[in-house]
Amino acid sequence: MDFGILLGLAYQRFVIQLNEHLAAKGFSAIKPTFGYVFRALEAETLTTAQLAARLQITSQGMAKVVEEMVSVGYLDRRADPADARVKLLELSARGRAAVATARAFHADFEARLGASAGERRVATTRAVLTELIGATEDLTRTLRPF
């Protein structure tokens, strides 16, 4: 099997397991696009337009994703103190809990993989993947994040 196909299939398997774990913990209705928004808003508050620019999609497309995330309780919107017409987006308590649950799954997944495949092999895999994506580069310039 081609290397790229193996990478893609491995990622798909990981995402399926992550989504099953999140659903079992009460975080349902998470769409594939939500993960990018969770990551972008984890560190800072942004407007829909800023979020769209960060994720390199249209403002209209981002507005749709934001509406979906607000409706299921993962995002909050609030007025900007400097300009009430501007709406700031931030993770809700439920959104922050979903991110924490996902991060715990990531760590547990890697630990379980280390236990079954060997920690050294997992460390080597991590090093190869890190080299493959060019971790020293600005990934926002080289990879389309959305």
N, C-alpha and C. Protein backbone atom coordinates (compact mmCIF):
# COMPACT_ATOMS: atom_id res chain seq x y z
N MET A 1 0.84 -1.18 0.00
CA MET A 1 0.00 0.00 0.00
C MET A 1 0.89 1.24 0.00
N ASP A 2 0.47 2.25 -0.73
CA ASP A 2 1.23 3.49 -0.79
C ASP A 2 1.34 4.13 0.59
N PHE A 3 2.48 4.77 0.83
CA PHE A 3 2.75 5.40 2.12
C PHE A 3 1.70 6.44 2.47
N GLY A 4 1.35 7.29 1.50
CA GLY A 4 0.35 8.33 1.75
C GLY A 4 -1.00 7.74 2.13
N ILE A 5 -1.37 6.64 1.50
CA ILE A 5 -2.63 5.96 1.84
C ILE A 5 -2.57 5.45 3.27
N LEU A 6 -1.43 4.86 3.65
CA LEU A 6 -1.28 4.38 5.04
C LEU A 6 -1.43 5.53 6.04
N LEU A 7 -0.81 6.66 5.74
CA LEU A 7 -0.93 7.82 6.62
C LEU A 7 -2.39 8.25 6.74
N GLY A 8 -3.06 8.34 5.61
CA GLY A 8 -4.47 8.76 5.60
C GLY A 8 -5.36 7.79 6.35
N LEU A 9 -5.17 6.49 6.12
CA LEU A 9 -6.00 5.49 6.80
C LEU A 9 -5.73 5.48 8.31
N ALA A 10 -4.47 5.63 8.68
CA ALA A 10 -4.14 5.68 10.11
C ALA A 10 -4.83 6.88 10.76
N TYR A 11 -4.79 8.02 10.09
CA TYR A 11 -5.45 9.21 10.63
C TYR A 11 -6.96 9.01 10.72
N GLN A 12 -7.55 8.43 9.69
CA GLN A 12 -9.00 8.17 9.73
C GLN A 12 -9.36 7.26 10.90
N ARG A 13 -8.57 6.22 11.12
CA ARG A 13 -8.83 5.30 12.24
C ARG A 13 -8.74 6.06 13.56
N PHE A 14 -7.72 6.91 13.70
CA PHE A 14 -7.56 7.71 14.91
C PHE A 14 -8.78 8.60 15.13
N VAL A 15 -9.22 9.30 14.10
CA VAL A 15 -10.36 10.22 14.21
C VAL A 15 -11.64 9.48 14.58
N ILE A 16 -11.84 8.32 14.01
CA ILE A 16 -13.03 7.51 14.35
C ILE A 16 -13.01 7.18 15.83
N GLN A 17 -11.88 6.72 16.32
CA GLN A 17 -11.76 6.38 17.74
C GLN A 17 -11.94 7.61 18.63
N LEU A 18 -11.36 8.73 18.22
CA LEU A 18 -11.52 9.98 18.97
C LEU A 18 -12.99 10.37 19.06
N ASN A 19 -13.68 10.35 17.93
CA ASN A 19 -15.10 10.74 17.91
C ASN A 19 -15.96 9.78 18.74
N GLU A 20 -15.65 8.49 18.70
CA GLU A 20 -16.38 7.53 19.52
C GLU A 20 -16.16 7.83 21.00
N HIS A 21 -14.92 8.15 21.36
CA HIS A 21 -14.58 8.48 22.74
C HIS A 21 -15.32 9.75 23.19
N LEU A 22 -15.28 10.77 22.35
CA LEU A 22 -15.96 12.02 22.69
C LEU A 22 -17.47 11.79 22.85
N ALA A 23 -18.07 11.03 21.95
CA ALA A 23 -19.51 10.74 22.05
C ALA A 23 -19.82 9.99 23.33
N ALA A 24 -18.97 9.03 23.70
CA ALA A 24 -19.18 8.26 24.93
C ALA A 24 -19.08 9.16 26.16
N LYS A 25 -18.33 10.25 26.06
CA LYS A 25 -18.18 11.19 27.17
C LYS A 25 -19.21 12.31 27.12
N GLY A 26 -20.17 12.21 26.19
CA GLY A 26 -21.25 13.19 26.13
C GLY A 26 -21.04 14.33 25.16
N PHE A 27 -19.99 14.26 24.37
CA PHE A 27 -19.71 15.33 23.40
C PHE A 27 -20.11 14.83 22.01
N SER A 28 -21.39 14.92 21.75
CA SER A 28 -21.90 14.47 20.47
C SER A 28 -22.01 15.64 19.50
N ALA A 29 -22.41 15.35 18.30
CA ALA A 29 -22.64 16.36 17.27
C ALA A 29 -21.38 17.14 16.91
N ILE A 30 -20.22 16.51 17.08
CA ILE A 30 -18.97 17.17 16.68
C ILE A 30 -18.69 16.80 15.23
N LYS A 31 -18.64 17.82 14.40
CA LYS A 31 -18.36 17.63 12.97
C LYS A 31 -16.86 17.75 12.74
N PRO A 32 -16.37 17.20 11.61
CA PRO A 32 -14.93 17.26 11.35
C PRO A 32 -14.35 18.67 11.39
N THR A 33 -15.09 19.66 10.97
CA THR A 33 -14.58 21.04 10.95
C THR A 33 -14.42 21.63 12.35
N PHE A 34 -15.13 21.09 13.33
CA PHE A 34 -15.11 21.68 14.66
C PHE A 34 -13.72 21.65 15.29
N GLY A 35 -12.96 20.60 15.02
CA GLY A 35 -11.63 20.48 15.62
C GLY A 35 -10.73 21.65 15.30
N TYR A 36 -10.81 22.14 14.08
CA TYR A 36 -9.99 23.29 13.68
C TYR A 36 -10.40 24.54 14.45
N VAL A 37 -11.70 24.70 14.66
CA VAL A 37 -12.21 25.85 15.41
C VAL A 37 -11.81 25.73 16.88
N PHE A 38 -11.94 24.53 17.44
CA PHE A 38 -11.52 24.32 18.82
C PHE A 38 -10.06 24.74 19.00
N ARG A 39 -9.20 24.31 18.10
CA ARG A 39 -7.78 24.64 18.21
C ARG A 39 -7.53 26.14 18.08
N ALA A 40 -8.20 26.76 17.12
CA ALA A 40 -7.98 28.19 16.89
C ALA A 40 -8.45 29.03 18.07
N LEU A 41 -9.56 28.64 18.68
CA LEU A 41 -10.13 29.45 19.77
C LEU A 41 -9.63 29.01 21.15
N GLU A 42 -8.85 27.96 21.19
CA GLU A 42 -8.33 27.49 22.47
C GLU A 42 -7.44 28.53 23.14
N ALA A 43 -6.66 29.25 22.35
CA ALA A 43 -5.70 30.19 22.91
C ALA A 43 -6.16 31.64 22.89
N GLU A 44 -7.16 31.95 22.04
CA GLU A 44 -7.55 33.35 21.93
C GLU A 44 -8.99 33.50 21.46
N THR A 45 -9.52 34.66 21.70
CA THR A 45 -10.86 35.02 21.26
C THR A 45 -10.74 35.71 19.91
N LEU A 46 -11.61 35.33 18.97
CA LEU A 46 -11.56 35.89 17.62
C LEU A 46 -12.96 36.22 17.14
N THR A 47 -13.04 37.08 16.13
CA THR A 47 -14.31 37.31 15.45
C THR A 47 -14.48 36.23 14.39
N THR A 48 -15.67 36.13 13.82
CA THR A 48 -15.90 35.16 12.76
C THR A 48 -14.98 35.44 11.57
N ALA A 49 -14.82 36.70 11.21
CA ALA A 49 -13.95 37.06 10.08
C ALA A 49 -12.49 36.69 10.37
N GLN A 50 -12.04 36.94 11.58
CA GLN A 50 -10.66 36.58 11.94
C GLN A 50 -10.47 35.07 11.91
N LEU A 51 -11.47 34.36 12.41
CA LEU A 51 -11.42 32.90 12.43
C LEU A 51 -11.40 32.36 11.00
N ALA A 52 -12.22 32.93 10.13
CA ALA A 52 -12.26 32.52 8.72
C ALA A 52 -10.89 32.74 8.07
N ALA A 53 -10.28 33.89 8.33
CA ALA A 53 -8.96 34.17 7.77
C ALA A 53 -7.93 33.18 8.29
N ARG A 54 -7.99 32.90 9.57
CA ARG A 54 -7.04 31.97 10.19
C ARG A 54 -7.16 30.58 9.58
N LEU A 55 -8.41 30.16 9.32
CA LEU A 55 -8.64 28.82 8.79
C LEU A 55 -8.73 28.77 7.27
N GLN A 56 -8.53 29.93 6.66
CA GLN A 56 -8.48 30.06 5.21
C GLN A 56 -9.75 29.55 4.52
N ILE A 57 -10.90 30.00 5.04
CA ILE A 57 -12.17 29.72 4.38
C ILE A 57 -12.94 31.03 4.28
N THR A 58 -14.05 31.02 3.58
CA THR A 58 -14.84 32.23 3.44
C THR A 58 -15.52 32.58 4.75
N SER A 59 -15.83 33.85 4.91
CA SER A 59 -16.56 34.29 6.10
C SER A 59 -17.93 33.62 6.17
N GLN A 60 -18.57 33.44 5.00
CA GLN A 60 -19.89 32.80 4.96
C GLN A 60 -19.79 31.34 5.43
N GLY A 61 -18.78 30.64 4.97
CA GLY A 61 -18.58 29.26 5.40
C GLY A 61 -18.29 29.17 6.88
N MET A 62 -17.48 30.11 7.37
CA MET A 62 -17.14 30.13 8.78
C MET A 62 -18.37 30.45 9.62
N ALA A 63 -19.20 31.37 9.15
CA ALA A 63 -20.41 31.74 9.87
C ALA A 63 -21.32 30.53 10.05
N LYS A 64 -21.38 29.68 9.04
CA LYS A 64 -22.20 28.46 9.13
C LYS A 64 -21.65 27.52 10.19
N VAL A 65 -20.35 27.32 10.19
CA VAL A 65 -19.73 26.44 11.20
C VAL A 65 -19.94 27.02 12.59
N VAL A 66 -19.75 28.33 12.74
CA VAL A 66 -19.93 28.99 14.04
C VAL A 66 -21.36 28.80 14.52
N GLU A 67 -22.34 29.01 13.64
CA GLU A 67 -23.75 28.82 14.02
C GLU A 67 -24.00 27.41 14.53
N GLU A 68 -23.45 26.43 13.83
CA GLU A 68 -23.61 25.03 14.24
C GLU A 68 -23.00 24.80 15.62
N MET A 69 -21.82 25.35 15.84
CA MET A 69 -21.13 25.14 17.11
C MET A 69 -21.82 25.87 18.26
N VAL A 70 -22.35 27.05 17.99
CA VAL A 70 -23.11 27.78 19.02
C VAL A 70 -24.38 27.00 19.36
N SER A 71 -25.06 26.47 18.33
CA SER A 71 -26.33 25.78 18.55
C SER A 71 -26.19 24.51 19.38
N VAL A 72 -25.02 23.86 19.32
CA VAL A 72 -24.82 22.64 20.13
C VAL A 72 -24.02 22.92 21.41
N GLY A 73 -23.73 24.21 21.65
CA GLY A 73 -23.17 24.60 22.94
C GLY A 73 -21.66 24.58 23.07
N TYR A 74 -20.92 24.53 21.95
CA TYR A 74 -19.47 24.50 22.03
C TYR A 74 -18.82 25.88 21.96
N LEU A 75 -19.56 26.88 21.47
CA LEU A 75 -19.04 28.24 21.38
C LEU A 75 -19.99 29.22 22.02
N ASP A 76 -19.42 30.30 22.53
CA ASP A 76 -20.19 31.45 23.02
C ASP A 76 -19.83 32.65 22.17
N ARG A 77 -20.81 33.53 21.98
CA ARG A 77 -20.58 34.81 21.30
C ARG A 77 -20.85 35.90 22.31
N ARG A 78 -20.00 36.92 22.31
CA ARG A 78 -20.23 38.06 23.19
C ARG A 78 -19.82 39.32 22.48
N ALA A 79 -20.39 40.41 22.91
CA ALA A 79 -20.06 41.71 22.31
C ALA A 79 -18.64 42.10 22.68
N ASP A 80 -17.95 42.70 21.73
CA ASP A 80 -16.61 43.23 21.96
C ASP A 80 -16.76 44.47 22.85
N PRO A 81 -16.04 44.54 23.96
CA PRO A 81 -16.15 45.72 24.83
C PRO A 81 -15.79 47.02 24.12
N ALA A 82 -14.94 46.94 23.10
CA ALA A 82 -14.52 48.14 22.38
C ALA A 82 -15.55 48.57 21.33
N ASP A 83 -16.37 47.61 20.87
CA ASP A 83 -17.36 47.91 19.83
C ASP A 83 -18.46 46.85 19.90
N ALA A 84 -19.58 47.21 20.47
CA ALA A 84 -20.67 46.25 20.71
C ALA A 84 -21.21 45.62 19.43
N ARG A 85 -20.94 46.25 18.29
CA ARG A 85 -21.40 45.67 17.01
C ARG A 85 -20.60 44.43 16.63
N VAL A 86 -19.39 44.34 17.15
CA VAL A 86 -18.50 43.23 16.85
C VAL A 86 -18.74 42.10 17.85
N LYS A 87 -18.91 40.89 17.32
CA LYS A 87 -19.14 39.72 18.17
C LYS A 87 -17.87 38.89 18.26
N LEU A 88 -17.45 38.64 19.49
CA LEU A 88 -16.27 37.83 19.74
C LEU A 88 -16.70 36.39 19.99
N LEU A 89 -15.91 35.46 19.51
CA LEU A 89 -16.17 34.05 19.69
C LEU A 89 -15.18 33.48 20.69
N GLU A 90 -15.68 32.65 21.56
CA GLU A 90 -14.82 31.94 22.50
C GLU A 90 -15.41 30.59 22.80
N LEU A 91 -14.56 29.67 23.22
CA LEU A 91 -15.06 28.36 23.60
C LEU A 91 -15.93 28.49 24.83
N SER A 92 -17.06 27.82 24.83
CA SER A 92 -17.91 27.78 26.01
C SER A 92 -17.28 26.80 27.01
N ALA A 93 -17.87 26.71 28.18
CA ALA A 93 -17.38 25.72 29.16
C ALA A 93 -17.46 24.32 28.56
N ARG A 94 -18.54 24.04 27.82
CA ARG A 94 -18.69 22.74 27.16
C ARG A 94 -17.61 22.56 26.09
N GLY A 95 -17.30 23.60 25.35
CA GLY A 95 -16.25 23.54 24.34
C GLY A 95 -14.88 23.28 24.96
N ARG A 96 -14.58 23.97 26.07
CA ARG A 96 -13.30 23.75 26.76
C ARG A 96 -13.22 22.33 27.31
N ALA A 97 -14.35 21.82 27.81
CA ALA A 97 -14.38 20.44 28.32
C ALA A 97 -14.17 19.44 27.19
N ALA A 98 -14.73 19.71 26.02
CA ALA A 98 -14.54 18.83 24.86
C ALA A 98 -13.07 18.81 24.46
N VAL A 99 -12.42 19.98 24.45
CA VAL A 99 -11.01 20.06 24.10
C VAL A 99 -10.18 19.28 25.12
N ALA A 100 -10.46 19.45 26.39
CA ALA A 100 -9.71 18.73 27.43
C ALA A 100 -9.90 17.22 27.27
N THR A 101 -11.11 16.80 26.97
CA THR A 101 -11.38 15.38 26.77
C THR A 101 -10.63 14.86 25.55
N ALA A 102 -10.60 15.65 24.49
CA ALA A 102 -9.86 15.25 23.28
C ALA A 102 -8.36 15.17 23.56
N ARG A 103 -7.84 16.15 24.28
CA ARG A 103 -6.40 16.14 24.60
C ARG A 103 -6.05 14.92 25.45
N ALA A 104 -6.90 14.58 26.40
CA ALA A 104 -6.66 13.39 27.22
C ALA A 104 -6.68 12.13 26.36
N PHE A 105 -7.60 12.08 25.39
CA PHE A 105 -7.65 10.94 24.48
C PHE A 105 -6.36 10.84 23.68
N HIS A 106 -5.87 11.97 23.17
CA HIS A 106 -4.62 11.98 22.40
C HIS A 106 -3.49 11.36 23.23
N ALA A 107 -3.34 11.81 24.46
CA ALA A 107 -2.27 11.30 25.32
C ALA A 107 -2.45 9.81 25.61
N ASP A 108 -3.69 9.42 25.89
CA ASP A 108 -3.97 8.02 26.19
C ASP A 108 -3.73 7.14 24.96
N PHE A 109 -4.13 7.63 23.79
CA PHE A 109 -3.93 6.88 22.55
C PHE A 109 -2.45 6.60 22.34
N GLU A 110 -1.63 7.64 22.50
CA GLU A 110 -0.20 7.48 22.30
C GLU A 110 0.39 6.54 23.34
N ALA A 111 -0.08 6.63 24.59
CA ALA A 111 0.41 5.73 25.63
C ALA A 111 0.01 4.28 25.34
N ARG A 112 -1.23 4.07 24.91
CA ARG A 112 -1.68 2.71 24.56
C ARG A 112 -0.90 2.16 23.37
N LEU A 113 -0.65 3.02 22.40
CA LEU A 113 0.13 2.59 21.24
C LEU A 113 1.55 2.23 21.67
N GLY A 114 2.11 3.02 22.57
CA GLY A 114 3.44 2.72 23.09
C GLY A 114 3.47 1.39 23.82
N ALA A 115 2.41 1.10 24.57
CA ALA A 115 2.34 -0.16 25.30
C ALA A 115 2.23 -1.36 24.36
N SER A 116 1.52 -1.19 23.25
CA SER A 116 1.34 -2.32 22.33
C SER A 116 2.44 -2.42 21.28
N ALA A 117 2.88 -1.31 20.74
CA ALA A 117 3.87 -1.33 19.66
C ALA A 117 5.29 -1.09 20.15
N GLY A 118 5.41 -0.61 21.37
CA GLY A 118 6.73 -0.28 21.92
C GLY A 118 6.96 1.22 21.92
N GLU A 119 7.38 1.73 23.06
CA GLU A 119 7.57 3.18 23.20
C GLU A 119 8.62 3.72 22.23
N ARG A 120 9.64 2.93 22.00
CA ARG A 120 10.70 3.39 21.09
C ARG A 120 10.16 3.55 19.66
N ARG A 121 9.34 2.60 19.21
CA ARG A 121 8.78 2.68 17.87
C ARG A 121 7.83 3.87 17.75
N VAL A 122 7.06 4.12 18.81
CA VAL A 122 6.14 5.26 18.78
C VAL A 122 6.94 6.56 18.77
N ALA A 123 7.99 6.63 19.55
CA ALA A 123 8.84 7.83 19.56
C ALA A 123 9.46 8.05 18.18
N THR A 124 9.89 6.97 17.53
CA THR A 124 10.45 7.08 16.18
C THR A 124 9.38 7.54 15.20
N THR A 125 8.19 6.98 15.31
CA THR A 125 7.09 7.39 14.43
C THR A 125 6.79 8.86 14.61
N ARG A 126 6.74 9.30 15.86
CA ARG A 126 6.49 10.72 16.14
C ARG A 126 7.58 11.60 15.52
N ALA A 127 8.83 11.17 15.64
CA ALA A 127 9.94 11.94 15.08
C ALA A 127 9.85 12.01 13.56
N VAL A 128 9.51 10.90 12.92
CA VAL A 128 9.39 10.87 11.47
C VAL A 128 8.23 11.76 11.02
N LEU A 129 7.09 11.67 11.69
CA LEU A 129 5.94 12.50 11.32
C LEU A 129 6.25 13.98 11.52
N THR A 130 6.94 14.29 12.60
CA THR A 130 7.32 15.68 12.87
C THR A 130 8.24 16.19 11.76
N GLU A 131 9.18 15.36 11.35
CA GLU A 131 10.08 15.75 10.26
C GLU A 131 9.30 15.89 8.95
N LEU A 132 8.36 15.00 8.72
CA LEU A 132 7.58 15.01 7.49
C LEU A 132 6.79 16.31 7.33
N ILE A 133 6.22 16.81 8.42
CA ILE A 133 5.43 18.03 8.32
C ILE A 133 6.29 19.29 8.44
N GLY A 134 7.55 19.11 8.78
CA GLY A 134 8.43 20.27 8.88
C GLY A 134 8.07 21.12 10.07
N ALA A 135 8.14 20.56 11.25
CA ALA A 135 7.67 21.23 12.47
C ALA A 135 8.34 22.57 12.73
N THR A 136 9.47 22.83 12.09
CA THR A 136 10.12 24.11 12.33
C THR A 136 9.55 25.20 11.43
N GLU A 137 8.73 24.81 10.46
CA GLU A 137 8.13 25.79 9.56
C GLU A 137 6.85 26.35 10.16
N ASP A 138 6.40 27.44 9.61
CA ASP A 138 5.10 27.99 9.97
C ASP A 138 4.06 27.20 9.19
N LEU A 139 3.37 26.29 9.86
CA LEU A 139 2.43 25.40 9.19
C LEU A 139 1.24 26.15 8.60
N THR A 140 0.92 27.32 9.13
CA THR A 140 -0.21 28.06 8.57
C THR A 140 0.11 28.52 7.15
N ARG A 141 1.38 28.61 6.80
CA ARG A 141 1.75 29.02 5.44
C ARG A 141 1.81 27.82 4.49
N THR A 142 2.14 26.64 5.01
CA THR A 142 2.38 25.51 4.13
C THR A 142 1.22 24.53 4.06
N LEU A 143 0.37 24.50 5.05
CA LEU A 143 -0.74 23.56 5.07
C LEU A 143 -2.05 24.32 5.18
N ARG A 144 -3.01 23.93 4.40
CA ARG A 144 -4.34 24.50 4.53
C ARG A 144 -4.96 23.89 5.79
N PRO A 145 -5.22 24.66 6.82
CA PRO A 145 -5.65 24.10 8.10
C PRO A 145 -7.09 23.62 8.12
N PHE A 146 -7.90 23.96 7.15
CA PHE A 146 -9.33 23.62 7.22
C PHE A 146 -9.70 22.68 6.10
